[in-house]
């Protein structure tokens, strides 16, 4: 092996080792406690032979009813994703207020992910002010949001993404985006929900 090739191979080995032993375990459970990771959530029975199973969580100083509406209205050409708008919302600024026109959500409704707003996940089920479950209708992926109340004005927002990779399908390109970059979007998104929910609570008459 040539010296240059050896150096490149060594660097790649170190990067892969770092990702598998440190970064991946961290990003699959960002913010979540051991109990939250072990806890059953709606949709856990949808995807078999898991390739990706991520549980993330954040504490929000607001009750569930101030958090849930922000989740209901998410999606491209809706309220956005409260994340990196240039990348995941066509450069449009994510909503900073509750949009009444996107609050009446039903089972089967589309949560748009694609730039044209026509492709995405579907609402599988929900319980108002408690949880909302999305899926791809074929059982390869599920995405649930659940709110756990901790007193009258504190909550834990927990989200779980579960995916089965299809290595010989065109969908693997999207799967690999999830594998390596999902944490960047999810962290920003959850902190965006936290900021908005806490800000809206402080502006309410009861705040």
N, C-alpha and C. Protein backbone atom coordinates (compact mmCIF):
# COMPACT_ATOMS: atom_id res chain seq x y z
N UNK A 1 0.85 -1.20 0.00
CA UNK A 1 0.00 0.00 0.00
C UNK A 1 0.88 1.25 0.00
N UNK A 2 0.58 2.18 -0.90
CA UNK A 2 1.33 3.43 -0.99
C UNK A 2 1.09 4.28 0.26
N UNK A 3 2.11 5.07 0.67
CA UNK A 3 1.96 5.90 1.88
C UNK A 3 0.72 6.78 1.87
N UNK A 4 0.46 7.45 0.72
CA UNK A 4 -0.71 8.33 0.64
C UNK A 4 -2.00 7.54 0.83
N UNK A 5 -2.08 6.38 0.18
CA UNK A 5 -3.27 5.54 0.31
C UNK A 5 -3.44 5.06 1.74
N UNK A 6 -2.33 4.73 2.37
CA UNK A 6 -2.37 4.29 3.76
C UNK A 6 -2.90 5.39 4.67
N UNK A 7 -2.45 6.62 4.44
CA UNK A 7 -2.91 7.75 5.26
C UNK A 7 -4.41 7.96 5.09
N UNK A 8 -4.87 7.95 3.85
CA UNK A 8 -6.30 8.14 3.58
C UNK A 8 -7.11 7.03 4.23
N UNK A 9 -6.66 5.79 4.08
CA UNK A 9 -7.37 4.65 4.68
C UNK A 9 -7.41 4.77 6.19
N UNK A 10 -6.33 5.24 6.79
CA UNK A 10 -6.26 5.40 8.25
C UNK A 10 -7.23 6.48 8.72
N UNK A 11 -7.27 7.58 7.98
CA UNK A 11 -8.19 8.68 8.34
C UNK A 11 -9.63 8.20 8.25
N UNK A 12 -9.97 7.49 7.18
CA UNK A 12 -11.33 6.98 7.02
C UNK A 12 -11.68 6.01 8.14
N UNK A 13 -10.73 5.17 8.51
CA UNK A 13 -10.97 4.22 9.60
C UNK A 13 -11.26 4.95 10.91
N UNK A 14 -10.49 5.98 11.20
CA UNK A 14 -10.69 6.75 12.44
C UNK A 14 -12.05 7.45 12.42
N UNK A 15 -12.42 8.02 11.28
CA UNK A 15 -13.71 8.70 11.17
C UNK A 15 -14.87 7.74 11.36
N UNK A 16 -14.79 6.58 10.73
CA UNK A 16 -15.85 5.58 10.87
C UNK A 16 -15.94 5.10 12.32
N UNK A 17 -14.78 4.87 12.93
CA UNK A 17 -14.75 4.43 14.33
C UNK A 17 -15.36 5.49 15.24
N UNK A 18 -15.00 6.76 15.00
CA UNK A 18 -15.56 7.86 15.80
C UNK A 18 -17.08 7.91 15.64
N UNK A 19 -17.55 7.79 14.40
CA UNK A 19 -18.99 7.88 14.15
C UNK A 19 -19.74 6.75 14.83
N UNK A 20 -19.25 5.53 14.70
CA UNK A 20 -19.97 4.37 15.23
C UNK A 20 -19.91 4.26 16.75
N UNK A 21 -18.80 4.67 17.34
CA UNK A 21 -18.64 4.49 18.78
C UNK A 21 -19.02 5.70 19.62
N UNK A 22 -18.93 6.90 19.04
CA UNK A 22 -19.22 8.11 19.81
C UNK A 22 -20.38 8.92 19.25
N UNK A 23 -20.26 9.36 18.01
CA UNK A 23 -21.26 10.29 17.47
C UNK A 23 -22.62 9.63 17.27
N UNK A 24 -22.68 8.46 16.67
CA UNK A 24 -23.98 7.83 16.41
C UNK A 24 -24.74 7.53 17.70
N UNK A 25 -24.12 6.91 18.72
CA UNK A 25 -24.85 6.67 19.96
C UNK A 25 -25.37 7.96 20.59
N UNK A 26 -24.57 9.05 20.51
CA UNK A 26 -25.01 10.34 21.07
C UNK A 26 -26.19 10.88 20.31
N UNK A 27 -26.12 10.89 18.97
CA UNK A 27 -27.17 11.54 18.19
C UNK A 27 -28.47 10.73 18.20
N UNK A 28 -28.39 9.43 18.45
CA UNK A 28 -29.61 8.62 18.50
C UNK A 28 -30.40 8.83 19.78
N UNK A 29 -29.81 9.51 20.75
CA UNK A 29 -30.51 9.73 22.02
C UNK A 29 -30.31 11.15 22.56
N UNK A 30 -30.14 12.11 21.68
CA UNK A 30 -29.89 13.47 22.11
C UNK A 30 -30.99 13.96 23.06
N UNK A 31 -30.60 14.37 24.25
CA UNK A 31 -31.52 14.95 25.23
C UNK A 31 -32.40 13.96 25.97
N UNK A 32 -32.43 12.70 25.56
CA UNK A 32 -33.36 11.72 26.14
C UNK A 32 -32.74 11.00 27.33
N UNK A 33 -33.58 10.68 28.30
CA UNK A 33 -33.15 9.90 29.46
C UNK A 33 -33.23 8.41 29.14
N UNK A 34 -32.65 7.60 30.00
CA UNK A 34 -32.72 6.15 29.80
C UNK A 34 -34.17 5.68 29.81
N UNK A 35 -34.97 6.23 30.72
CA UNK A 35 -36.38 5.83 30.81
C UNK A 35 -37.14 6.21 29.54
N UNK A 36 -36.85 7.37 28.99
CA UNK A 36 -37.54 7.80 27.76
C UNK A 36 -37.16 6.92 26.57
N UNK A 37 -35.93 6.49 26.54
CA UNK A 37 -35.50 5.61 25.46
C UNK A 37 -36.17 4.24 25.56
N UNK A 38 -36.33 3.73 26.77
CA UNK A 38 -36.93 2.41 26.98
C UNK A 38 -38.45 2.43 26.87
N UNK A 39 -39.06 3.59 27.09
CA UNK A 39 -40.52 3.69 27.14
C UNK A 39 -41.15 3.42 25.78
N UNK A 40 -42.24 2.64 25.78
CA UNK A 40 -42.98 2.39 24.55
C UNK A 40 -43.67 3.68 24.12
N UNK A 41 -43.63 3.95 22.81
CA UNK A 41 -44.29 5.11 22.25
C UNK A 41 -45.21 4.67 21.12
N UNK A 42 -46.25 5.44 20.82
CA UNK A 42 -47.12 5.10 19.70
C UNK A 42 -46.32 4.92 18.42
N UNK A 43 -46.60 3.84 17.70
CA UNK A 43 -45.91 3.58 16.44
C UNK A 43 -44.72 2.65 16.56
N UNK A 44 -44.36 2.27 17.77
CA UNK A 44 -43.20 1.39 17.93
C UNK A 44 -43.39 0.03 17.27
N UNK A 45 -44.63 -0.33 16.99
CA UNK A 45 -44.91 -1.64 16.39
C UNK A 45 -45.01 -1.59 14.86
N UNK A 46 -44.74 -0.42 14.27
CA UNK A 46 -44.93 -0.27 12.82
C UNK A 46 -43.74 -0.81 12.02
N UNK A 47 -42.54 -0.40 12.39
CA UNK A 47 -41.35 -0.73 11.60
C UNK A 47 -40.63 -1.95 12.18
N UNK A 48 -40.41 -2.94 11.34
CA UNK A 48 -39.65 -4.12 11.75
C UNK A 48 -38.24 -4.05 11.18
N UNK A 49 -37.32 -4.85 11.74
CA UNK A 49 -35.93 -4.90 11.26
C UNK A 49 -35.34 -3.51 11.16
N UNK A 50 -35.27 -2.85 12.28
CA UNK A 50 -34.84 -1.46 12.34
C UNK A 50 -33.39 -1.26 11.91
N UNK A 51 -33.18 -0.20 11.14
CA UNK A 51 -31.83 0.25 10.79
C UNK A 51 -31.49 1.52 11.57
N UNK A 52 -32.50 2.31 11.89
CA UNK A 52 -32.31 3.62 12.54
C UNK A 52 -33.41 3.78 13.57
N UNK A 53 -33.04 4.03 14.81
CA UNK A 53 -34.00 4.16 15.89
C UNK A 53 -33.54 5.26 16.83
N UNK A 54 -34.07 6.47 16.64
CA UNK A 54 -33.59 7.63 17.37
C UNK A 54 -34.68 8.22 18.26
N UNK A 55 -34.35 8.43 19.53
CA UNK A 55 -35.26 9.07 20.48
C UNK A 55 -34.58 10.33 20.99
N UNK A 56 -35.20 11.47 20.76
CA UNK A 56 -34.66 12.75 21.21
C UNK A 56 -35.67 13.45 22.10
N UNK A 57 -35.20 14.31 23.00
CA UNK A 57 -36.11 14.96 23.94
C UNK A 57 -35.59 16.31 24.38
N UNK A 58 -36.53 17.15 24.82
CA UNK A 58 -36.18 18.47 25.33
C UNK A 58 -37.22 18.87 26.37
N UNK A 59 -36.79 19.60 27.39
CA UNK A 59 -37.70 20.13 28.40
C UNK A 59 -38.22 21.49 27.92
N UNK A 60 -39.53 21.66 28.02
CA UNK A 60 -40.15 22.93 27.61
C UNK A 60 -40.93 23.49 28.80
N UNK A 61 -40.68 24.73 29.11
CA UNK A 61 -41.36 25.38 30.24
C UNK A 61 -42.71 25.92 29.78
N UNK A 62 -43.58 24.99 29.45
CA UNK A 62 -44.93 25.32 28.99
C UNK A 62 -45.78 24.06 29.10
N UNK A 63 -47.08 24.20 29.26
CA UNK A 63 -47.97 23.03 29.30
C UNK A 63 -48.17 22.45 27.90
N UNK A 64 -48.69 21.24 27.86
CA UNK A 64 -48.86 20.52 26.59
C UNK A 64 -49.70 21.30 25.58
N UNK A 65 -50.74 21.99 26.05
CA UNK A 65 -51.62 22.69 25.12
C UNK A 65 -50.94 23.87 24.43
N UNK A 66 -49.79 24.32 24.96
CA UNK A 66 -49.02 25.38 24.31
C UNK A 66 -47.95 24.82 23.37
N UNK A 67 -47.75 23.51 23.41
CA UNK A 67 -46.74 22.85 22.59
C UNK A 67 -47.36 22.15 21.39
N UNK A 68 -48.44 21.45 21.64
CA UNK A 68 -49.07 20.60 20.62
C UNK A 68 -49.41 21.35 19.32
N UNK A 69 -49.98 22.54 19.36
CA UNK A 69 -50.33 23.23 18.10
C UNK A 69 -49.15 23.48 17.18
N UNK A 70 -47.95 23.65 17.75
CA UNK A 70 -46.77 23.87 16.92
C UNK A 70 -46.41 22.61 16.13
N UNK A 71 -46.68 21.46 16.71
CA UNK A 71 -46.42 20.18 16.04
C UNK A 71 -47.45 19.94 14.94
N UNK A 72 -48.70 20.22 15.25
CA UNK A 72 -49.80 19.97 14.30
C UNK A 72 -49.56 20.66 12.96
N UNK A 73 -49.02 21.86 12.98
CA UNK A 73 -48.94 22.66 11.75
C UNK A 73 -47.63 22.50 10.98
N UNK A 74 -46.75 21.62 11.40
CA UNK A 74 -45.46 21.48 10.73
C UNK A 74 -45.57 20.93 9.32
N UNK A 75 -44.58 21.22 8.48
CA UNK A 75 -44.53 20.69 7.13
C UNK A 75 -44.17 21.75 6.11
N UNK A 76 -43.57 21.33 5.01
CA UNK A 76 -43.25 22.24 3.91
C UNK A 76 -44.55 22.86 3.37
N UNK A 77 -44.52 24.13 3.08
CA UNK A 77 -45.68 24.89 2.62
C UNK A 77 -46.79 24.95 3.67
N UNK A 78 -46.46 24.61 4.90
CA UNK A 78 -47.36 24.82 6.03
C UNK A 78 -46.64 25.78 6.97
N UNK A 79 -46.34 25.36 8.20
CA UNK A 79 -45.63 26.26 9.12
C UNK A 79 -44.12 26.11 9.04
N UNK A 80 -43.65 25.17 8.20
CA UNK A 80 -42.22 24.91 8.13
C UNK A 80 -41.81 23.89 9.18
N UNK A 81 -40.50 23.84 9.45
CA UNK A 81 -39.96 22.85 10.39
C UNK A 81 -39.24 23.48 11.57
N UNK A 82 -39.29 24.80 11.69
CA UNK A 82 -38.63 25.50 12.80
C UNK A 82 -37.14 25.14 12.87
N UNK A 83 -36.56 24.87 11.73
CA UNK A 83 -35.18 24.41 11.69
C UNK A 83 -34.38 25.30 10.75
N UNK A 84 -33.61 24.72 9.84
CA UNK A 84 -32.81 25.50 8.89
C UNK A 84 -33.66 25.74 7.64
N UNK A 85 -34.35 26.86 7.62
CA UNK A 85 -35.35 27.13 6.60
C UNK A 85 -34.79 27.09 5.17
N UNK A 86 -33.55 27.48 5.01
CA UNK A 86 -32.96 27.48 3.68
C UNK A 86 -32.85 26.06 3.13
N UNK A 87 -32.67 25.10 4.03
CA UNK A 87 -32.48 23.71 3.62
C UNK A 87 -33.77 22.91 3.59
N UNK A 88 -34.65 23.12 4.56
CA UNK A 88 -35.82 22.25 4.65
C UNK A 88 -37.16 22.95 4.50
N UNK A 89 -37.16 24.22 4.16
CA UNK A 89 -38.43 24.92 3.95
C UNK A 89 -38.35 25.88 2.77
N UNK A 90 -37.51 25.55 1.79
CA UNK A 90 -37.39 26.32 0.55
C UNK A 90 -37.03 27.78 0.79
N UNK A 91 -36.35 28.05 1.90
CA UNK A 91 -35.95 29.41 2.21
C UNK A 91 -37.04 30.25 2.87
N UNK A 92 -38.24 29.69 2.97
CA UNK A 92 -39.31 30.43 3.64
C UNK A 92 -39.11 30.35 5.15
N UNK A 93 -39.36 31.44 5.84
CA UNK A 93 -39.20 31.48 7.28
C UNK A 93 -40.30 30.67 7.96
N UNK A 94 -39.92 29.80 8.86
CA UNK A 94 -40.90 29.02 9.61
C UNK A 94 -41.79 29.94 10.43
N UNK A 95 -43.01 29.52 10.64
CA UNK A 95 -44.00 30.35 11.35
C UNK A 95 -43.56 30.68 12.77
N UNK A 96 -43.89 31.86 13.20
CA UNK A 96 -43.63 32.30 14.57
C UNK A 96 -44.93 32.44 15.35
N UNK A 97 -46.02 31.96 14.75
CA UNK A 97 -47.32 32.01 15.42
C UNK A 97 -48.13 30.78 15.03
N UNK A 98 -49.19 30.53 15.76
CA UNK A 98 -50.08 29.41 15.46
C UNK A 98 -50.94 29.80 14.26
N UNK A 99 -50.95 28.92 13.25
CA UNK A 99 -51.70 29.17 12.03
C UNK A 99 -53.01 28.39 12.07
N UNK A 100 -54.11 29.09 12.23
CA UNK A 100 -55.41 28.44 12.38
C UNK A 100 -55.75 27.53 11.20
N UNK A 101 -55.31 27.91 10.00
CA UNK A 101 -55.66 27.14 8.81
C UNK A 101 -54.98 25.77 8.77
N UNK A 102 -53.99 25.55 9.64
CA UNK A 102 -53.29 24.26 9.66
C UNK A 102 -53.50 23.50 10.97
N UNK A 103 -54.52 23.87 11.71
CA UNK A 103 -54.77 23.22 13.00
C UNK A 103 -55.79 22.09 12.93
N UNK A 104 -56.59 22.07 11.89
CA UNK A 104 -57.62 21.03 11.77
C UNK A 104 -57.04 19.83 11.03
N UNK A 105 -56.29 19.02 11.74
CA UNK A 105 -55.61 17.89 11.11
C UNK A 105 -56.39 16.61 11.36
N UNK A 106 -56.33 15.69 10.37
CA UNK A 106 -57.10 14.45 10.45
C UNK A 106 -56.20 13.26 10.11
N UNK A 107 -56.59 12.08 10.56
CA UNK A 107 -55.88 10.86 10.20
C UNK A 107 -55.86 10.73 8.68
N UNK A 108 -54.69 10.43 8.12
CA UNK A 108 -54.54 10.32 6.67
C UNK A 108 -54.02 11.57 6.01
N UNK A 109 -54.02 12.70 6.71
CA UNK A 109 -53.52 13.94 6.12
C UNK A 109 -52.02 13.84 5.84
N UNK A 110 -51.58 14.56 4.82
CA UNK A 110 -50.18 14.58 4.43
C UNK A 110 -49.40 15.60 5.25
N UNK A 111 -48.22 15.17 5.73
CA UNK A 111 -47.26 16.08 6.34
C UNK A 111 -46.15 16.25 5.31
N UNK A 112 -46.16 17.34 4.54
CA UNK A 112 -45.26 17.47 3.38
C UNK A 112 -43.78 17.58 3.76
N UNK A 113 -42.97 16.82 3.03
CA UNK A 113 -41.53 16.86 3.20
C UNK A 113 -40.81 17.34 1.94
N UNK A 114 -41.44 17.15 0.80
CA UNK A 114 -40.80 17.47 -0.48
C UNK A 114 -40.99 18.94 -0.85
N UNK A 115 -40.13 19.48 -1.72
CA UNK A 115 -40.24 20.88 -2.11
C UNK A 115 -41.58 21.24 -2.73
N UNK A 116 -42.21 20.30 -3.45
CA UNK A 116 -43.51 20.61 -4.07
C UNK A 116 -44.68 20.45 -3.10
N UNK A 117 -44.39 19.99 -1.90
CA UNK A 117 -45.43 19.83 -0.90
C UNK A 117 -46.36 18.66 -1.15
N UNK A 118 -45.97 17.74 -2.05
CA UNK A 118 -46.86 16.64 -2.42
C UNK A 118 -46.41 15.28 -1.89
N UNK A 119 -45.18 15.22 -1.37
CA UNK A 119 -44.65 13.97 -0.85
C UNK A 119 -44.30 14.15 0.62
N UNK A 120 -44.49 13.08 1.39
CA UNK A 120 -44.15 13.18 2.80
C UNK A 120 -44.69 12.00 3.57
N UNK A 121 -45.01 12.23 4.82
CA UNK A 121 -45.56 11.19 5.68
C UNK A 121 -47.03 11.49 5.92
N UNK A 122 -47.75 10.48 6.35
CA UNK A 122 -49.17 10.63 6.62
C UNK A 122 -49.45 10.53 8.12
N UNK A 123 -50.48 11.21 8.55
CA UNK A 123 -50.89 11.12 9.95
C UNK A 123 -51.50 9.74 10.18
N UNK A 124 -50.87 8.96 11.02
CA UNK A 124 -51.36 7.63 11.36
C UNK A 124 -52.41 7.69 12.45
N UNK A 125 -52.15 8.49 13.46
CA UNK A 125 -53.09 8.64 14.59
C UNK A 125 -52.59 9.78 15.47
N UNK A 126 -53.44 10.23 16.38
CA UNK A 126 -53.02 11.28 17.30
C UNK A 126 -53.99 11.33 18.48
N UNK A 127 -53.53 11.95 19.54
CA UNK A 127 -54.36 12.26 20.69
C UNK A 127 -54.04 13.70 21.07
N UNK A 128 -55.02 14.56 20.92
CA UNK A 128 -54.79 15.99 21.08
C UNK A 128 -54.09 16.33 22.39
N UNK A 129 -53.09 17.19 22.28
CA UNK A 129 -52.29 17.67 23.40
C UNK A 129 -51.47 16.57 24.08
N UNK A 130 -51.40 15.38 23.45
CA UNK A 130 -50.60 14.29 24.01
C UNK A 130 -49.58 13.75 23.02
N UNK A 131 -50.03 13.32 21.85
CA UNK A 131 -49.08 12.77 20.88
C UNK A 131 -49.64 12.81 19.46
N UNK A 132 -48.70 12.74 18.50
CA UNK A 132 -49.05 12.66 17.09
C UNK A 132 -48.08 11.71 16.39
N UNK A 133 -48.63 10.80 15.59
CA UNK A 133 -47.84 9.78 14.92
C UNK A 133 -47.97 9.90 13.41
N UNK A 134 -46.82 9.96 12.73
CA UNK A 134 -46.77 9.96 11.27
C UNK A 134 -46.12 8.66 10.79
N UNK A 135 -46.45 8.26 9.55
CA UNK A 135 -45.80 7.09 8.98
C UNK A 135 -45.81 7.19 7.46
N UNK A 136 -45.12 6.24 6.79
CA UNK A 136 -45.01 6.29 5.34
C UNK A 136 -46.02 5.40 4.63
N UNK A 137 -46.93 4.77 5.38
CA UNK A 137 -48.01 3.92 4.86
C UNK A 137 -47.53 2.56 4.34
N UNK A 138 -46.23 2.31 4.28
CA UNK A 138 -45.76 0.98 3.89
C UNK A 138 -45.00 0.29 5.01
N UNK A 139 -44.82 0.99 6.11
CA UNK A 139 -44.19 0.38 7.28
C UNK A 139 -42.68 0.43 7.31
N UNK A 140 -42.08 1.29 6.49
CA UNK A 140 -40.62 1.43 6.50
C UNK A 140 -40.15 2.54 7.43
N UNK A 141 -41.06 3.43 7.82
CA UNK A 141 -40.65 4.52 8.70
C UNK A 141 -41.83 5.04 9.51
N UNK A 142 -41.53 5.48 10.72
CA UNK A 142 -42.53 6.11 11.59
C UNK A 142 -41.85 7.24 12.33
N UNK A 143 -42.66 8.24 12.69
CA UNK A 143 -42.14 9.43 13.37
C UNK A 143 -43.23 9.88 14.33
N UNK A 144 -42.94 9.82 15.61
CA UNK A 144 -43.93 10.18 16.62
C UNK A 144 -43.42 11.32 17.49
N UNK A 145 -44.36 12.17 17.89
CA UNK A 145 -44.10 13.24 18.85
C UNK A 145 -45.00 13.00 20.06
N UNK A 146 -44.42 13.03 21.25
CA UNK A 146 -45.24 12.83 22.45
C UNK A 146 -44.84 13.85 23.51
N UNK A 147 -45.86 14.35 24.21
CA UNK A 147 -45.65 15.37 25.23
C UNK A 147 -46.00 14.77 26.59
N UNK A 148 -45.04 14.81 27.51
CA UNK A 148 -45.24 14.30 28.86
C UNK A 148 -45.26 15.49 29.82
N UNK A 149 -46.37 15.68 30.50
CA UNK A 149 -46.48 16.81 31.43
C UNK A 149 -45.68 16.55 32.69
N UNK A 150 -45.00 17.59 33.15
CA UNK A 150 -44.25 17.55 34.42
C UNK A 150 -44.71 18.74 35.25
N UNK A 151 -45.86 18.62 35.85
CA UNK A 151 -46.44 19.75 36.56
C UNK A 151 -47.29 20.59 35.62
N UNK A 152 -47.76 21.71 36.11
CA UNK A 152 -48.69 22.53 35.34
C UNK A 152 -48.02 23.32 34.22
N UNK A 153 -46.74 23.62 34.35
CA UNK A 153 -46.11 24.50 33.37
C UNK A 153 -44.80 23.96 32.81
N UNK A 154 -44.57 22.67 32.96
CA UNK A 154 -43.35 22.07 32.45
C UNK A 154 -43.69 20.77 31.73
N UNK A 155 -43.03 20.53 30.63
CA UNK A 155 -43.30 19.33 29.84
C UNK A 155 -42.01 18.79 29.23
N UNK A 156 -42.05 17.51 28.92
CA UNK A 156 -40.98 16.91 28.13
C UNK A 156 -41.54 16.60 26.76
N UNK A 157 -40.90 17.13 25.73
CA UNK A 157 -41.26 16.80 24.36
C UNK A 157 -40.29 15.73 23.88
N UNK A 158 -40.83 14.57 23.51
CA UNK A 158 -40.01 13.45 23.08
C UNK A 158 -40.43 13.05 21.66
N UNK A 159 -39.46 12.87 20.80
CA UNK A 159 -39.76 12.43 19.45
C UNK A 159 -38.95 11.18 19.13
N UNK A 160 -39.54 10.29 18.36
CA UNK A 160 -38.85 9.05 17.98
C UNK A 160 -39.02 8.80 16.49
N UNK A 161 -37.89 8.61 15.81
CA UNK A 161 -37.87 8.29 14.38
C UNK A 161 -37.33 6.88 14.22
N UNK A 162 -38.09 6.02 13.53
CA UNK A 162 -37.69 4.64 13.31
C UNK A 162 -37.75 4.34 11.81
N UNK A 163 -36.66 3.81 11.27
CA UNK A 163 -36.57 3.59 9.83
C UNK A 163 -35.93 2.24 9.53
N UNK A 164 -36.45 1.58 8.53
CA UNK A 164 -35.81 0.38 7.98
C UNK A 164 -35.22 0.75 6.64
N UNK A 165 -33.91 0.63 6.50
CA UNK A 165 -33.24 0.97 5.25
C UNK A 165 -33.47 -0.12 4.21
N UNK A 166 -33.70 0.30 2.98
CA UNK A 166 -33.76 -0.62 1.85
C UNK A 166 -32.54 -0.31 0.97
N UNK A 167 -31.51 -1.11 1.16
CA UNK A 167 -30.20 -0.81 0.60
C UNK A 167 -30.17 -0.79 -0.92
N UNK A 168 -31.07 -1.53 -1.56
CA UNK A 168 -31.05 -1.61 -3.03
C UNK A 168 -32.22 -0.86 -3.66
N UNK A 169 -32.73 0.13 -2.91
CA UNK A 169 -33.83 0.96 -3.40
C UNK A 169 -33.34 2.39 -3.55
N UNK A 170 -33.92 3.15 -4.49
CA UNK A 170 -33.55 4.57 -4.61
C UNK A 170 -33.75 5.33 -3.30
N UNK A 171 -34.63 4.81 -2.44
CA UNK A 171 -34.91 5.48 -1.17
C UNK A 171 -33.71 5.50 -0.25
N UNK A 172 -32.68 4.69 -0.54
CA UNK A 172 -31.52 4.65 0.35
C UNK A 172 -30.81 5.99 0.40
N UNK A 173 -30.89 6.78 -0.67
CA UNK A 173 -30.27 8.11 -0.67
C UNK A 173 -30.88 8.97 0.43
N UNK A 174 -32.22 8.94 0.54
CA UNK A 174 -32.90 9.69 1.60
C UNK A 174 -32.59 9.09 2.96
N UNK A 175 -32.53 7.75 3.03
CA UNK A 175 -32.21 7.08 4.30
C UNK A 175 -30.85 7.53 4.83
N UNK A 176 -29.87 7.65 3.95
CA UNK A 176 -28.53 8.05 4.38
C UNK A 176 -28.49 9.51 4.83
N UNK A 177 -29.34 10.34 4.23
CA UNK A 177 -29.46 11.71 4.72
C UNK A 177 -29.96 11.71 6.16
N UNK A 178 -30.92 10.83 6.45
CA UNK A 178 -31.43 10.70 7.81
C UNK A 178 -30.32 10.23 8.74
N UNK A 179 -29.60 9.21 8.30
CA UNK A 179 -28.53 8.62 9.11
C UNK A 179 -27.51 9.65 9.58
N UNK A 180 -27.07 10.49 8.67
CA UNK A 180 -25.97 11.40 8.99
C UNK A 180 -26.38 12.81 9.37
N UNK A 181 -27.55 13.26 8.92
CA UNK A 181 -27.89 14.67 9.11
C UNK A 181 -29.19 14.92 9.88
N UNK A 182 -29.94 13.86 10.19
CA UNK A 182 -31.21 14.04 10.88
C UNK A 182 -31.05 14.77 12.20
N UNK A 183 -30.00 14.47 12.94
CA UNK A 183 -29.81 15.10 14.24
C UNK A 183 -29.68 16.61 14.13
N UNK A 184 -29.07 17.11 13.05
CA UNK A 184 -28.91 18.56 12.89
C UNK A 184 -30.27 19.23 12.77
N UNK A 185 -31.14 18.65 11.94
CA UNK A 185 -32.47 19.21 11.75
C UNK A 185 -33.31 19.05 13.02
N UNK A 186 -33.26 17.83 13.63
CA UNK A 186 -34.13 17.56 14.77
C UNK A 186 -33.78 18.42 15.98
N UNK A 187 -32.50 18.57 16.24
CA UNK A 187 -32.10 19.40 17.38
C UNK A 187 -32.59 20.84 17.20
N UNK A 188 -32.35 21.39 16.01
CA UNK A 188 -32.78 22.76 15.73
C UNK A 188 -34.30 22.87 15.80
N UNK A 189 -35.00 21.88 15.26
CA UNK A 189 -36.46 21.86 15.26
C UNK A 189 -37.02 21.84 16.68
N UNK A 190 -36.50 20.94 17.51
CA UNK A 190 -37.03 20.82 18.87
C UNK A 190 -36.74 22.06 19.69
N UNK A 191 -35.57 22.63 19.52
CA UNK A 191 -35.26 23.87 20.23
C UNK A 191 -36.12 25.02 19.69
N UNK A 192 -36.46 24.94 18.40
CA UNK A 192 -37.35 25.95 17.81
C UNK A 192 -38.75 25.86 18.39
N UNK A 193 -39.25 24.64 18.59
CA UNK A 193 -40.56 24.45 19.22
C UNK A 193 -40.52 24.96 20.65
N UNK A 194 -39.45 24.62 21.36
CA UNK A 194 -39.29 25.07 22.75
C UNK A 194 -39.36 26.59 22.85
N UNK A 195 -38.59 27.27 22.00
CA UNK A 195 -38.56 28.74 22.04
C UNK A 195 -39.94 29.32 21.75
N UNK A 196 -40.58 28.80 20.74
CA UNK A 196 -41.89 29.33 20.34
C UNK A 196 -42.95 29.07 21.40
N UNK A 197 -42.97 27.87 21.96
CA UNK A 197 -43.98 27.54 22.97
C UNK A 197 -43.79 28.38 24.23
N UNK A 198 -42.55 28.55 24.65
CA UNK A 198 -42.29 29.34 25.85
C UNK A 198 -42.57 30.82 25.60
N UNK A 199 -42.26 31.29 24.40
CA UNK A 199 -42.53 32.69 24.07
C UNK A 199 -44.03 32.97 24.00
N UNK A 200 -44.78 32.03 23.38
CA UNK A 200 -46.22 32.24 23.28
C UNK A 200 -46.89 32.18 24.64
N UNK A 201 -46.35 31.39 25.55
CA UNK A 201 -46.90 31.31 26.90
C UNK A 201 -46.67 32.61 27.65
N UNK A 202 -45.48 33.19 27.48
CA UNK A 202 -45.17 34.43 28.18
C UNK A 202 -46.03 35.59 27.69
N UNK A 203 -46.54 35.47 26.46
CA UNK A 203 -47.37 36.54 25.89
C UNK A 203 -48.86 36.36 26.19
N UNK A 204 -49.22 35.17 26.69
CA UNK A 204 -50.64 34.91 26.96
C UNK A 204 -51.11 35.69 28.18
N UNK A 205 -52.42 35.97 28.28
CA UNK A 205 -52.94 36.72 29.42
C UNK A 205 -52.62 36.09 30.75
N UNK A 206 -52.53 34.73 30.75
CA UNK A 206 -52.28 34.05 32.01
C UNK A 206 -50.80 34.01 32.34
N UNK A 207 -49.91 34.40 31.32
CA UNK A 207 -48.47 34.30 31.52
C UNK A 207 -47.93 35.38 32.44
